[in-house]
Amino acid sequence: MATRKKSGRRYGKAAGKSVERAMKKRKKGTLRRGRGGKGGKVKSRKQAIAIGLSEAREKGAKVPSKRKSSGRRKTSGRKKTGGRKKRTSKRTSKRTSKRK
């Protein structure tokens, strides 16, 4: 079995301190989300960690960069077609039937 080589610390000490501060703020109930802290209170642990790491990144601490895509995964193959059909009013359908 091949063992993976360990590449040292991924996060710097400053990043850890920033996350720790964010977690304390969350516990206290003063950590807020959004630009300038105008959003709602942060209740989830993961959100608090993300905020701490984001602040550490801004300060220039050693933190790995964000993942490229966090949302949808790219699907292979063709796009789905269909969906909603265009609605035709009753008036237009009557006109076409009378012309025939």
PDB file of N, CA and C in Angstrom:
ATOM      1  N   MET A   1       0.837  -1.178   0.000  1.00  0.00           N
ATOM      2  CA  MET A   1       0.000   0.000   0.000  1.00  0.00           C
ATOM      3  C   MET A   1       0.889   1.250   0.000  1.00  0.00           C
ATOM      4  N   ALA A   2       0.657   2.111  -0.950  1.00  0.00           N
ATOM      5  CA  ALA A   2       1.472   3.321  -1.055  1.00  0.00           C
ATOM      6  C   ALA A   2       0.968   4.373  -0.071  1.00  0.00           C
ATOM      7  N   THR A   3       1.898   5.011   0.606  1.00  0.00           N
ATOM      8  CA  THR A   3       1.513   6.058   1.551  1.00  0.00           C
ATOM      9  C   THR A   3       1.669   7.420   0.891  1.00  0.00           C
ATOM     10  N   ARG A   4       0.776   8.309   1.245  1.00  0.00           N
ATOM     11  CA  ARG A   4       0.811   9.640   0.662  1.00  0.00           C
ATOM     12  C   ARG A   4       1.807  10.524   1.400  1.00  0.00           C
ATOM     13  N   LYS A   5       2.538  11.306   0.654  1.00  0.00           N
ATOM     14  CA  LYS A   5       3.515  12.196   1.268  1.00  0.00           C
ATOM     15  C   LYS A   5       2.793  13.382   1.905  1.00  0.00           C
ATOM     16  N   LYS A   6       3.128  13.673   3.135  1.00  0.00           N
ATOM     17  CA  LYS A   6       2.501  14.799   3.821  1.00  0.00           C
ATOM     18  C   LYS A   6       3.230  16.081   3.435  1.00  0.00           C
ATOM     19  N   SER A   7       2.461  17.100   3.095  1.00  0.00           N
ATOM     20  CA  SER A   7       3.070  18.324   2.577  1.00  0.00           C
ATOM     21  C   SER A   7       3.112  19.444   3.616  1.00  0.00           C
ATOM     22  N   GLY A   8       3.215  19.103   4.863  1.00  0.00           N
ATOM     23  CA  GLY A   8       3.327  20.143   5.893  1.00  0.00           C
ATOM     24  C   GLY A   8       2.007  20.818   6.191  1.00  0.00           C
ATOM     25  N   ARG A   9       2.088  21.991   6.781  1.00  0.00           N
ATOM     26  CA  ARG A   9       0.870  22.719   7.161  1.00  0.00           C
ATOM     27  C   ARG A   9       0.183  23.327   5.947  1.00  0.00           C
ATOM     28  N   ARG A  10      -1.119  23.150   5.880  1.00  0.00           N
ATOM     29  CA  ARG A  10      -1.878  23.766   4.793  1.00  0.00           C
ATOM     30  C   ARG A  10      -2.310  25.168   5.179  1.00  0.00           C
ATOM     31  N   TYR A  11      -2.574  25.350   6.444  1.00  0.00           N
ATOM     32  CA  TYR A  11      -3.029  26.645   6.946  1.00  0.00           C
ATOM     33  C   TYR A  11      -1.983  27.214   7.893  1.00  0.00           C
ATOM     34  N   GLY A  12      -1.753  28.512   7.816  1.00  0.00           N
ATOM     35  CA  GLY A  12      -0.793  29.161   8.697  1.00  0.00           C
ATOM     36  C   GLY A  12      -1.383  29.410  10.077  1.00  0.00           C
ATOM     37  N   LYS A  13      -0.553  29.839  11.011  1.00  0.00           N
ATOM     38  CA  LYS A  13      -1.015  30.115  12.372  1.00  0.00           C
ATOM     39  C   LYS A  13      -1.994  31.275  12.394  1.00  0.00           C
ATOM     40  N   ALA A  14      -1.752  32.272  11.548  1.00  0.00           N
ATOM     41  CA  ALA A  14      -2.617  33.452  11.492  1.00  0.00           C
ATOM     42  C   ALA A  14      -4.036  33.070  11.056  1.00  0.00           C
ATOM     43  N   ALA A  15      -4.125  32.085  10.149  1.00  0.00           N
ATOM     44  CA  ALA A  15      -5.430  31.616   9.685  1.00  0.00           C
ATOM     45  C   ALA A  15      -6.191  30.960  10.829  1.00  0.00           C
ATOM     46  N   GLY A  16      -5.470  30.176  11.615  1.00  0.00           N
ATOM     47  CA  GLY A  16      -6.080  29.503  12.772  1.00  0.00           C
ATOM     48  C   GLY A  16      -6.603  30.505  13.782  1.00  0.00           C
ATOM     49  N   LYS A  17      -5.837  31.556  14.004  1.00  0.00           N
ATOM     50  CA  LYS A  17      -6.243  32.606  14.957  1.00  0.00           C
ATOM     51  C   LYS A  17      -7.497  33.313  14.455  1.00  0.00           C
ATOM     52  N   SER A  18      -7.541  33.563  13.154  1.00  0.00           N
ATOM     53  CA  SER A  18      -8.678  34.256  12.556  1.00  0.00           C
ATOM     54  C   SER A  18      -9.956  33.424  12.680  1.00  0.00           C
ATOM     55  N   VAL A  19      -9.823  32.124  12.447  1.00  0.00           N
ATOM     56  CA  VAL A  19     -10.970  31.213  12.561  1.00  0.00           C
ATOM     57  C   VAL A  19     -11.409  31.128  14.020  1.00  0.00           C
ATOM     58  N   GLU A  20     -10.435  31.060  14.912  1.00  0.00           N
ATOM     59  CA  GLU A  20     -10.731  30.985  16.349  1.00  0.00           C
ATOM     60  C   GLU A  20     -11.517  32.224  16.804  1.00  0.00           C
ATOM     61  N   ARG A  21     -11.094  33.395  16.321  1.00  0.00           N
ATOM     62  CA  ARG A  21     -11.768  34.644  16.670  1.00  0.00           C
ATOM     63  C   ARG A  21     -13.212  34.650  16.141  1.00  0.00           C
ATOM     64  N   ALA A  22     -13.381  34.148  14.899  1.00  0.00           N
ATOM     65  CA  ALA A  22     -14.711  34.079  14.293  1.00  0.00           C
ATOM     66  C   ALA A  22     -15.623  33.131  15.076  1.00  0.00           C
ATOM     67  N   MET A  23     -15.067  32.014  15.538  1.00  0.00           N
ATOM     68  CA  MET A  23     -15.852  31.037  16.296  1.00  0.00           C
ATOM     69  C   MET A  23     -16.289  31.619  17.638  1.00  0.00           C
ATOM     70  N   LYS A  24     -15.399  32.385  18.272  1.00  0.00           N
ATOM     71  CA  LYS A  24     -15.746  33.018  19.545  1.00  0.00           C
ATOM     72  C   LYS A  24     -16.846  34.047  19.349  1.00  0.00           C
ATOM     73  N   LYS A  25     -16.741  34.794  18.251  1.00  0.00           N
ATOM     74  CA  LYS A  25     -17.767  35.791  17.933  1.00  0.00           C
ATOM     75  C   LYS A  25     -19.122  35.122  17.690  1.00  0.00           C
ATOM     76  N   ARG A  26     -19.078  33.955  17.016  1.00  0.00           N
ATOM     77  CA  ARG A  26     -20.320  33.216  16.733  1.00  0.00           C
ATOM     78  C   ARG A  26     -20.971  32.767  18.028  1.00  0.00           C
ATOM     79  N   LYS A  27     -20.156  32.234  18.940  1.00  0.00           N
ATOM     80  CA  LYS A  27     -20.658  31.770  20.241  1.00  0.00           C
ATOM     81  C   LYS A  27     -21.290  32.920  21.014  1.00  0.00           C
ATOM     82  N   LYS A  28     -20.639  34.065  20.919  1.00  0.00           N
ATOM     83  CA  LYS A  28     -21.116  35.258  21.624  1.00  0.00           C
ATOM     84  C   LYS A  28     -22.398  35.809  20.980  1.00  0.00           C
ATOM     85  N   GLY A  29     -22.550  35.529  19.665  1.00  0.00           N
ATOM     86  CA  GLY A  29     -23.740  35.981  18.939  1.00  0.00           C
ATOM     87  C   GLY A  29     -23.540  37.302  18.219  1.00  0.00           C
ATOM     88  N   THR A  30     -22.278  37.690  18.005  1.00  0.00           N
ATOM     89  CA  THR A  30     -22.001  38.962  17.341  1.00  0.00           C
ATOM     90  C   THR A  30     -21.464  38.797  15.924  1.00  0.00           C
ATOM     91  N   LEU A  31     -21.238  37.560  15.488  1.00  0.00           N
ATOM     92  CA  LEU A  31     -20.736  37.320  14.135  1.00  0.00           C
ATOM     93  C   LEU A  31     -21.890  37.429  13.153  1.00  0.00           C
ATOM     94  N   ARG A  32     -21.691  38.259  12.123  1.00  0.00           N
ATOM     95  CA  ARG A  32     -22.749  38.487  11.140  1.00  0.00           C
ATOM     96  C   ARG A  32     -22.222  38.215   9.743  1.00  0.00           C
ATOM     97  N   ARG A  33     -23.115  37.826   8.847  1.00  0.00           N
ATOM     98  CA  ARG A  33     -22.709  37.507   7.476  1.00  0.00           C
ATOM     99  C   ARG A  33     -22.955  38.701   6.559  1.00  0.00           C
ATOM    100  N   GLY A  34     -22.320  38.658   5.406  1.00  0.00           N
ATOM    101  CA  GLY A  34     -22.515  39.696   4.394  1.00  0.00           C
ATOM    102  C   GLY A  34     -21.499  40.804   4.492  1.00  0.00           C
ATOM    103  N   ARG A  35     -21.538  41.690   3.510  1.00  0.00           N
ATOM    104  CA  ARG A  35     -20.603  42.823   3.446  1.00  0.00           C
ATOM    105  C   ARG A  35     -20.845  43.786   4.597  1.00  0.00           C
ATOM    106  N   GLY A  36     -19.821  44.054   5.341  1.00  0.00           N
ATOM    107  CA  GLY A  36     -19.920  45.019   6.438  1.00  0.00           C
ATOM    108  C   GLY A  36     -20.736  44.524   7.617  1.00  0.00           C
ATOM    109  N   GLY A  37     -21.044  43.229   7.648  1.00  0.00           N
ATOM    110  CA  GLY A  37     -21.799  42.650   8.763  1.00  0.00           C
ATOM    111  C   GLY A  37     -23.234  43.110   8.837  1.00  0.00           C
ATOM    112  N   LYS A  38     -23.825  43.451   7.681  1.00  0.00           N
ATOM    113  CA  LYS A  38     -25.206  43.931   7.665  1.00  0.00           C
ATOM    114  C   LYS A  38     -26.220  42.797   7.537  1.00  0.00           C
ATOM    115  N   GLY A  39     -25.738  41.583   7.265  1.00  0.00           N
ATOM    116  CA  GLY A  39     -26.629  40.433   7.127  1.00  0.00           C
ATOM    117  C   GLY A  39     -27.088  39.908   8.478  1.00  0.00           C
ATOM    118  N   GLY A  40     -27.693  38.739   8.467  1.00  0.00           N
ATOM    119  CA  GLY A  40     -28.187  38.134   9.704  1.00  0.00           C
ATOM    120  C   GLY A  40     -27.083  37.499  10.521  1.00  0.00           C
ATOM    121  N   LYS A  41     -27.444  37.030  11.695  1.00  0.00           N
ATOM    122  CA  LYS A  41     -26.481  36.369  12.578  1.00  0.00           C
ATOM    123  C   LYS A  41     -26.055  35.031  11.991  1.00  0.00           C
ATOM    124  N   VAL A  42     -24.802  34.692  12.232  1.00  0.00           N
ATOM    125  CA  VAL A  42     -24.284  33.402  11.781  1.00  0.00           C
ATOM    126  C   VAL A  42     -24.532  32.398  12.883  1.00  0.00           C
ATOM    127  N   LYS A  43     -25.208  31.301  12.540  1.00  0.00           N
ATOM    128  CA  LYS A  43     -25.500  30.262  13.525  1.00  0.00           C
ATOM    129  C   LYS A  43     -24.728  28.991  13.257  1.00  0.00           C
ATOM    130  N   SER A  44     -24.396  28.755  11.981  1.00  0.00           N
ATOM    131  CA  SER A  44     -23.718  27.493  11.661  1.00  0.00           C
ATOM    132  C   SER A  44     -22.218  27.590  11.863  1.00  0.00           C
ATOM    133  N   ARG A  45     -21.649  26.469  12.282  1.00  0.00           N
ATOM    134  CA  ARG A  45     -20.221  26.361  12.546  1.00  0.00           C
ATOM    135  C   ARG A  45     -19.423  26.512  11.261  1.00  0.00           C
ATOM    136  N   LYS A  46     -19.905  25.868  10.196  1.00  0.00           N
ATOM    137  CA  LYS A  46     -19.220  25.908   8.906  1.00  0.00           C
ATOM    138  C   LYS A  46     -19.145  27.331   8.363  1.00  0.00           C
ATOM    139  N   GLN A  47     -20.234  28.073   8.518  1.00  0.00           N
ATOM    140  CA  GLN A  47     -20.277  29.461   8.045  1.00  0.00           C
ATOM    141  C   GLN A  47     -19.249  30.302   8.801  1.00  0.00           C
ATOM    142  N   ALA A  48     -19.137  30.083  10.104  1.00  0.00           N
ATOM    143  CA  ALA A  48     -18.175  30.826  10.930  1.00  0.00           C
ATOM    144  C   ALA A  48     -16.743  30.532  10.490  1.00  0.00           C
ATOM    145  N   ILE A  49     -16.464  29.272  10.193  1.00  0.00           N
ATOM    146  CA  ILE A  49     -15.122  28.895   9.733  1.00  0.00           C
ATOM    147  C   ILE A  49     -14.824  29.558   8.395  1.00  0.00           C
ATOM    148  N   ALA A  50     -15.821  29.545   7.504  1.00  0.00           N
ATOM    149  CA  ALA A  50     -15.650  30.156   6.182  1.00  0.00           C
ATOM    150  C   ALA A  50     -15.365  31.649   6.304  1.00  0.00           C
ATOM    151  N   ILE A  51     -16.057  32.322   7.200  1.00  0.00           N
ATOM    152  CA  ILE A  51     -15.844  33.757   7.413  1.00  0.00           C
ATOM    153  C   ILE A  51     -14.441  33.997   7.959  1.00  0.00           C
ATOM    154  N   GLY A  52     -14.014  33.181   8.924  1.00  0.00           N
ATOM    155  CA  GLY A  52     -12.679  33.298   9.498  1.00  0.00           C
ATOM    156  C   GLY A  52     -11.589  33.115   8.459  1.00  0.00           C
ATOM    157  N   LEU A  53     -11.752  32.117   7.591  1.00  0.00           N
ATOM    158  CA  LEU A  53     -10.755  31.868   6.547  1.00  0.00           C
ATOM    159  C   LEU A  53     -10.747  32.979   5.512  1.00  0.00           C
ATOM    160  N   SER A  54     -11.917  33.501   5.205  1.00  0.00           N
ATOM    161  CA  SER A  54     -12.027  34.598   4.243  1.00  0.00           C
ATOM    162  C   SER A  54     -11.302  35.841   4.757  1.00  0.00           C
ATOM    163  N   GLU A  55     -11.493  36.133   6.042  1.00  0.00           N
ATOM    164  CA  GLU A  55     -10.814  37.283   6.652  1.00  0.00           C
ATOM    165  C   GLU A  55      -9.299  37.069   6.667  1.00  0.00           C
ATOM    166  N   ALA A  56      -8.882  35.834   6.928  1.00  0.00           N
ATOM    167  CA  ALA A  56      -7.456  35.510   6.937  1.00  0.00           C
ATOM    168  C   ALA A  56      -6.856  35.703   5.544  1.00  0.00           C
ATOM    169  N   ARG A  57      -7.606  35.315   4.506  1.00  0.00           N
ATOM    170  CA  ARG A  57      -7.165  35.498   3.119  1.00  0.00           C
ATOM    171  C   ARG A  57      -6.946  36.972   2.814  1.00  0.00           C
ATOM    172  N   GLU A  58      -7.896  37.809   3.263  1.00  0.00           N
ATOM    173  CA  GLU A  58      -7.805  39.250   3.028  1.00  0.00           C
ATOM    174  C   GLU A  58      -6.555  39.839   3.689  1.00  0.00           C
ATOM    175  N   LYS A  59      -6.212  39.314   4.863  1.00  0.00           N
ATOM    176  CA  LYS A  59      -5.035  39.810   5.589  1.00  0.00           C
ATOM    177  C   LYS A  59      -3.724  39.278   5.000  1.00  0.00           C
ATOM    178  N   GLY A  60      -3.832  38.274   4.137  1.00  0.00           N
ATOM    179  CA  GLY A  60      -2.638  37.718   3.494  1.00  0.00           C
ATOM    180  C   GLY A  60      -2.047  36.535   4.228  1.00  0.00           C
ATOM    181  N   ALA A  61      -2.826  35.866   5.059  1.00  0.00           N
ATOM    182  CA  ALA A  61      -2.337  34.694   5.788  1.00  0.00           C
ATOM    183  C   ALA A  61      -2.241  33.499   4.842  1.00  0.00           C
ATOM    184  N   LYS A  62      -1.533  32.463   5.296  1.00  0.00           N
ATOM    185  CA  LYS A  62      -1.374  31.263   4.479  1.00  0.00           C
ATOM    186  C   LYS A  62      -2.636  30.415   4.546  1.00  0.00           C
ATOM    187  N   VAL A  63      -3.442  30.544   3.494  1.00  0.00           N
ATOM    188  CA  VAL A  63      -4.701  29.804   3.397  1.00  0.00           C
ATOM    189  C   VAL A  63      -4.833  29.313   1.964  1.00  0.00           C
ATOM    190  N   PRO A  64      -5.177  28.031   1.751  1.00  0.00           N
ATOM    191  CA  PRO A  64      -5.379  27.559   0.377  1.00  0.00           C
ATOM    192  C   PRO A  64      -6.497  28.344  -0.302  1.00  0.00           C
ATOM    193  N   SER A  65      -6.373  28.527  -1.610  1.00  0.00           N
ATOM    194  CA  SER A  65      -7.390  29.297  -2.347  1.00  0.00           C
ATOM    195  C   SER A  65      -8.706  28.535  -2.382  1.00  0.00           C
ATOM    196  N   LYS A  66      -9.775  29.267  -2.650  1.00  0.00           N
ATOM    197  CA  LYS A  66     -11.116  28.669  -2.703  1.00  0.00           C
ATOM    198  C   LYS A  66     -11.196  27.694  -3.856  1.00  0.00           C
ATOM    199  N   ARG A  67     -12.143  26.773  -3.770  1.00  0.00           N
ATOM    200  CA  ARG A  67     -12.361  25.833  -4.865  1.00  0.00           C
ATOM    201  C   ARG A  67     -12.915  26.589  -6.054  1.00  0.00           C
ATOM    202  N   LYS A  68     -12.638  26.075  -7.241  1.00  0.00           N
ATOM    203  CA  LYS A  68     -13.064  26.751  -8.465  1.00  0.00           C
ATOM    204  C   LYS A  68     -14.572  26.785  -8.594  1.00  0.00           C
ATOM    205  N   SER A  69     -15.222  25.610  -8.548  1.00  0.00           N
ATOM    206  CA  SER A  69     -16.680  25.580  -8.705  1.00  0.00           C
ATOM    207  C   SER A  69     -17.304  24.992  -7.452  1.00  0.00           C
ATOM    208  N   SER A  70     -18.214  25.737  -6.862  1.00  0.00           N
ATOM    209  CA  SER A  70     -18.860  25.242  -5.659  1.00  0.00           C
ATOM    210  C   SER A  70     -20.301  24.839  -5.942  1.00  0.00           C
ATOM    211  N   GLY A  71     -20.836  25.321  -7.055  1.00  0.00           N
ATOM    212  CA  GLY A  71     -22.243  25.075  -7.371  1.00  0.00           C
ATOM    213  C   GLY A  71     -22.454  23.849  -8.208  1.00  0.00           C
ATOM    214  N   ARG A  72     -23.032  24.032  -9.389  1.00  0.00           N
ATOM    215  CA  ARG A  72     -23.380  22.915 -10.257  1.00  0.00           C
ATOM    216  C   ARG A  72     -22.147  22.232 -10.815  1.00  0.00           C
ATOM    217  N   ARG A  73     -22.287  20.944 -11.029  1.00  0.00           N
ATOM    218  CA  ARG A  73     -21.230  20.196 -11.689  1.00  0.00           C
ATOM    219  C   ARG A  73     -21.530  20.168 -13.173  1.00  0.00           C
ATOM    220  N   LYS A  74     -20.490  20.152 -13.962  1.00  0.00           N
ATOM    221  CA  LYS A  74     -20.661  20.134 -15.404  1.00  0.00           C
ATOM    222  C   LYS A  74     -21.154  18.751 -15.821  1.00  0.00           C
ATOM    223  N   THR A  75     -22.222  18.724 -16.601  1.00  0.00           N
ATOM    224  CA  THR A  75     -22.757  17.446 -17.052  1.00  0.00           C
ATOM    225  C   THR A  75     -22.328  17.207 -18.486  1.00  0.00           C
ATOM    226  N   SER A  76     -22.041  15.961 -18.804  1.00  0.00           N
ATOM    227  CA  SER A  76     -21.648  15.636 -20.166  1.00  0.00           C
ATOM    228  C   SER A  76     -22.888  15.289 -20.964  1.00  0.00           C
ATOM    229  N   GLY A  77     -22.778  15.393 -22.265  1.00  0.00           N
ATOM    230  CA  GLY A  77     -23.912  15.071 -23.122  1.00  0.00           C
ATOM    231  C   GLY A  77     -24.661  16.317 -23.545  1.00  0.00           C
ATOM    232  N   ARG A  78     -25.804  16.094 -24.155  1.00  0.00           N
ATOM    233  CA  ARG A  78     -26.551  17.234 -24.685  1.00  0.00           C
ATOM    234  C   ARG A  78     -27.449  17.861 -23.637  1.00  0.00           C
ATOM    235  N   LYS A  79     -27.843  19.084 -23.912  1.00  0.00           N
ATOM    236  CA  LYS A  79     -28.707  19.802 -22.987  1.00  0.00           C
ATOM    237  C   LYS A  79     -30.125  19.256 -23.064  1.00  0.00           C
ATOM    238  N   LYS A  80     -30.828  19.386 -21.965  1.00  0.00           N
ATOM    239  CA  LYS A  80     -32.227  18.959 -21.962  1.00  0.00           C
ATOM    240  C   LYS A  80     -33.039  19.974 -22.749  1.00  0.00           C
ATOM    241  N   THR A  81     -33.957  19.477 -23.545  1.00  0.00           N
ATOM    242  CA  THR A  81     -34.826  20.378 -24.306  1.00  0.00           C
ATOM    243  C   THR A  81     -36.247  20.214 -23.809  1.00  0.00           C
ATOM    244  N   GLY A  82     -37.059  21.144 -24.155  1.00  0.00           N
ATOM    245  CA  GLY A  82     -38.459  21.047 -23.738  1.00  0.00           C
ATOM    246  C   GLY A  82     -38.772  22.091 -22.712  1.00  0.00           C
ATOM    247  N   GLY A  83     -39.314  21.662 -21.620  1.00  0.00           N
ATOM    248  CA  GLY A  83     -39.704  22.619 -20.595  1.00  0.00           C
ATOM    249  C   GLY A  83     -41.115  23.105 -20.850  1.00  0.00           C
ATOM    250  N   ARG A  84     -41.352  24.357 -20.539  1.00  0.00           N
ATOM    251  CA  ARG A  84     -42.699  24.907 -20.719  1.00  0.00           C
ATOM    252  C   ARG A  84     -42.965  25.247 -22.174  1.00  0.00           C
ATOM    253  N   LYS A  85     -44.149  24.911 -22.631  1.00  0.00           N
ATOM    254  CA  LYS A  85     -44.549  25.260 -23.990  1.00  0.00           C
ATOM    255  C   LYS A  85     -45.129  26.658 -23.983  1.00  0.00           C
ATOM    256  N   LYS A  86     -45.020  27.328 -25.120  1.00  0.00           N
ATOM    257  CA  LYS A  86     -45.584  28.663 -25.229  1.00  0.00           C
ATOM    258  C   LYS A  86     -47.100  28.563 -25.195  1.00  0.00           C
ATOM    259  N   ARG A  87     -47.690  29.472 -24.455  1.00  0.00           N
ATOM    260  CA  ARG A  87     -49.154  29.481 -24.365  1.00  0.00           C
ATOM    261  C   ARG A  87     -49.730  30.264 -25.527  1.00  0.00           C
ATOM    262  N   THR A  88     -50.736  29.693 -26.147  1.00  0.00           N
ATOM    263  CA  THR A  88     -51.447  30.425 -27.200  1.00  0.00           C
ATOM    264  C   THR A  88     -52.814  30.777 -26.659  1.00  0.00           C
ATOM    265  N   SER A  89     -53.225  31.981 -26.917  1.00  0.00           N
ATOM    266  CA  SER A  89     -54.526  32.393 -26.403  1.00  0.00           C
ATOM    267  C   SER A  89     -55.626  31.743 -27.222  1.00  0.00           C
ATOM    268  N   LYS A  90     -56.814  31.681 -26.676  1.00  0.00           N
ATOM    269  CA  LYS A  90     -57.949  31.062 -27.344  1.00  0.00           C
ATOM    270  C   LYS A  90     -58.309  31.829 -28.610  1.00  0.00           C
ATOM    271  N   ARG A  91     -58.120  33.142 -28.544  1.00  0.00           N
ATOM    272  CA  ARG A  91     -58.470  33.998 -29.678  1.00  0.00           C
ATOM    273  C   ARG A  91     -57.673  33.609 -30.921  1.00  0.00           C
ATOM    274  N   THR A  92     -56.378  33.407 -30.798  1.00  0.00           N
ATOM    275  CA  THR A  92     -55.551  33.075 -31.964  1.00  0.00           C
ATOM    276  C   THR A  92     -55.883  31.679 -32.486  1.00  0.00           C
ATOM    277  N   SER A  93     -56.172  30.756 -31.605  1.00  0.00           N
ATOM    278  CA  SER A  93     -56.484  29.411 -32.062  1.00  0.00           C
ATOM    279  C   SER A  93     -57.816  29.374 -32.811  1.00  0.00           C
ATOM    280  N   LYS A  94     -58.771  30.206 -32.421  1.00  0.00           N
ATOM    281  CA  LYS A  94     -60.063  30.273 -33.116  1.00  0.00           C
ATOM    282  C   LYS A  94     -59.884  30.868 -34.515  1.00  0.00           C
ATOM    283  N   ARG A  95     -59.030  31.899 -34.593  1.00  0.00           N
ATOM    284  CA  ARG A  95     -58.807  32.556 -35.892  1.00  0.00           C
ATOM    285  C   ARG A  95     -58.227  31.585 -36.904  1.00  0.00           C
ATOM    286  N   THR A  96     -57.259  30.798 -36.490  1.00  0.00           N
ATOM    287  CA  THR A  96     -56.609  29.868 -37.407  1.00  0.00           C
ATOM    288  C   THR A  96     -57.578  28.772 -37.856  1.00  0.00           C
ATOM    289  N   SER A  97     -58.479  28.358 -36.977  1.00  0.00           N
ATOM    290  CA  SER A  97     -59.413  27.300 -37.355  1.00  0.00           C
ATOM    291  C   SER A  97     -60.481  27.821 -38.335  1.00  0.00           C
ATOM    292  N   LYS A  98     -60.855  29.089 -38.244  1.00  0.00           N
ATOM    293  CA  LYS A  98     -61.875  29.645 -39.138  1.00  0.00           C
ATOM    294  C   LYS A  98     -61.317  29.828 -40.541  1.00  0.00           C
ATOM    295  N   ARG A  99     -60.024  30.149 -40.667  1.00  0.00           N
ATOM    296  CA  ARG A  99     -59.419  30.411 -41.960  1.00  0.00           C
ATOM    297  C   ARG A  99     -59.354  29.163 -42.835  1.00  0.00           C
ATOM    298  N   LYS A 100     -59.309  28.031 -42.264  1.00  0.00           N
ATOM    299  CA  LYS A 100     -59.192  26.775 -43.010  1.00  0.00           C
ATOM    300  C   LYS A 100     -60.484  26.518 -43.702  1.00  0.00           C
TER     301      LYS A 100
END
